[in-house]
Protein backbone atom coordinates (compact mmCIF):
# COMPACT_ATOMS: atom_id res chain seq x y z
CA UNK A 1 10.11 7.72 -23.91
CA UNK A 2 9.14 4.17 -23.25
CA UNK A 3 5.66 4.01 -21.69
CA UNK A 4 4.74 0.40 -22.13
CA UNK A 5 6.51 -2.79 -21.62
CA UNK A 6 7.44 -4.90 -24.97
CA UNK A 7 4.71 -6.63 -26.39
CA UNK A 8 6.27 -9.66 -27.97
CA UNK A 9 5.15 -13.24 -28.05
CA UNK A 10 7.48 -15.80 -26.16
CA UNK A 11 8.01 -19.50 -26.25
CA UNK A 12 8.84 -22.01 -23.57
CA UNK A 13 10.57 -25.06 -24.52
CA UNK A 14 10.29 -28.19 -22.08
CA UNK A 15 13.22 -30.68 -22.38
CA UNK A 16 12.45 -34.12 -20.89
CA UNK A 17 15.06 -36.56 -19.46
CA UNK A 18 15.18 -38.71 -22.74
CA UNK A 19 16.25 -35.54 -24.43
CA UNK A 20 12.78 -34.91 -26.46
CA UNK A 21 11.63 -31.40 -26.35
CA UNK A 22 8.13 -29.83 -26.48
CA UNK A 23 7.48 -26.21 -27.26
CA UNK A 24 4.70 -23.92 -26.10
CA UNK A 25 3.94 -20.58 -27.40
CA UNK A 26 2.14 -17.87 -25.59
CA UNK A 27 0.35 -14.87 -26.40
CA UNK A 28 2.12 -11.54 -26.12
CA UNK A 29 2.83 -10.13 -22.80
CA UNK A 30 -0.19 -7.77 -21.63
CA UNK A 31 0.37 -4.15 -22.03
CA UNK A 32 0.62 -2.14 -18.96
CA UNK A 33 1.60 1.36 -18.83
CA UNK A 34 4.88 2.26 -16.73
CA UNK A 35 2.79 4.50 -14.39
CA UNK A 36 0.25 1.67 -13.79
CA UNK A 37 2.88 -0.62 -12.88
CA UNK A 38 4.69 1.82 -10.73
CA UNK A 39 1.19 2.80 -9.03
CA UNK A 40 0.68 -1.04 -8.27
CA UNK A 41 4.23 -1.29 -6.70
CA UNK A 42 3.76 1.85 -4.58
CA UNK A 43 0.36 0.44 -3.20
CA UNK A 44 1.89 -2.77 -2.36
CA UNK A 45 4.92 -1.22 -0.71
CA UNK A 46 2.72 1.34 1.09
CA UNK A 47 0.48 -1.69 2.48
CA UNK A 48 3.62 -3.45 3.70
CA UNK A 49 4.74 -0.36 5.56
CA UNK A 50 1.24 -0.27 7.13
CA UNK A 51 1.27 -3.93 8.17
CA UNK A 52 4.76 -3.37 9.73
CA UNK A 53 3.72 -0.25 11.52
CA UNK A 54 0.69 -1.92 13.06
CA UNK A 55 2.91 -4.67 14.27
CA UNK A 56 5.38 -2.27 15.88
CA UNK A 57 2.58 -0.04 17.31
CA UNK A 58 1.26 -3.10 18.87
CA UNK A 59 4.58 -3.85 20.48
CA UNK A 60 4.88 -0.47 21.86
CA UNK A 61 7.50 0.91 19.30
CA UNK A 62 5.52 3.95 18.41
CA UNK A 63 8.42 5.90 16.83
CA UNK A 64 9.28 3.00 14.36
CA UNK A 65 5.60 2.54 13.69
CA UNK A 66 5.38 6.26 12.87
CA UNK A 67 8.29 6.11 10.52
CA UNK A 68 6.61 3.02 8.60
CA UNK A 69 3.25 5.04 8.39
CA UNK A 70 5.10 7.91 6.92
CA UNK A 71 7.15 6.00 4.60
CA UNK A 72 3.94 4.48 3.20
CA UNK A 73 2.10 8.02 3.04
CA UNK A 74 5.03 9.42 1.25
CA UNK A 75 4.70 6.76 -1.49
CA UNK A 76 0.72 6.87 -1.53
CA UNK A 77 -0.56 9.92 0.25
CA UNK A 78 -4.22 8.95 -0.42
CA UNK A 79 -3.77 5.47 1.33
CA UNK A 80 -6.75 5.61 3.74
CA UNK A 81 -5.70 2.88 5.94
CA UNK A 82 -2.47 4.58 6.37
CA UNK A 83 -3.98 7.70 7.25
CA UNK A 84 -6.20 5.97 9.73
CA UNK A 85 -3.42 4.12 11.46
CA UNK A 86 -1.27 7.17 11.61
CA UNK A 87 -4.25 9.29 13.05
CA UNK A 88 -4.79 6.68 15.77
CA UNK A 89 -1.04 6.67 16.65
CA UNK A 90 -0.93 10.33 16.91
CA UNK A 91 -4.09 10.45 19.13
CA UNK A 92 -2.61 7.91 21.32
CA UNK A 93 0.60 9.92 21.61
CA UNK A 94 -1.27 12.85 22.71
CA UNK A 95 -0.97 14.69 19.40
CA UNK A 96 -4.92 14.89 19.22
CA UNK A 97 -4.90 17.65 16.49
CA UNK A 98 -2.61 15.91 14.16
CA UNK A 99 -4.47 12.63 14.69
CA UNK A 100 -7.74 14.31 13.85
CA UNK A 101 -6.54 16.12 10.89
CA UNK A 102 -5.06 12.54 9.39
CA UNK A 103 -8.47 10.86 10.10
CA UNK A 104 -10.24 13.76 8.47
CA UNK A 105 -8.22 13.38 5.38
CA UNK A 106 -9.00 9.73 5.34
CA UNK A 107 -12.74 10.40 5.49
CA UNK A 108 -12.18 12.86 2.52
CA UNK A 109 -10.65 10.16 0.52
CA UNK A 110 -12.97 7.57 1.57
CA UNK A 111 -16.28 8.82 3.25
CA UNK A 112 -17.11 5.13 4.00
CA UNK A 113 -14.08 4.48 6.06
CA UNK A 114 -15.64 3.09 9.09
CA UNK A 115 -12.40 3.06 11.17
CA UNK A 116 -11.67 6.55 10.51
CA UNK A 117 -15.01 7.83 11.65
CA UNK A 118 -14.98 5.51 14.78
CA UNK A 119 -11.58 6.71 15.77
CA UNK A 120 -12.58 10.36 15.15
CA UNK A 121 -15.58 10.07 17.16
CA UNK A 122 -13.66 8.53 19.93
CA UNK A 123 -11.11 11.14 19.87
CA UNK A 124 -13.62 14.12 19.94
CA UNK A 125 -15.51 12.67 22.82
CA UNK A 126 -12.35 12.67 25.17
């Protein structure tokens, strides 16, 4: 089972217009576990789904926004900002209990998530 990327030095060779060349050796690639790399990729993709979902929600495309949020949450279930965005969307669509549940989960993951607390308070006051 391969758990790290290859750890081997590499060399760049620069060739100028006159044909002369210069080599530059670099240190070995840093060691990353496959799971760390995958986690970073998932986080990045989930954040891009959040950004697209927000843009869609602002343009009135709620179903498409919800699909983006769900794709992101499927990759990173603990993504606080996605839970907040999804919760706010659900509340705006009249699915209050689902919205509250998502916002409460966001606060469980990050008790300092100000947006989650603000939306939750607003929803409960309505």
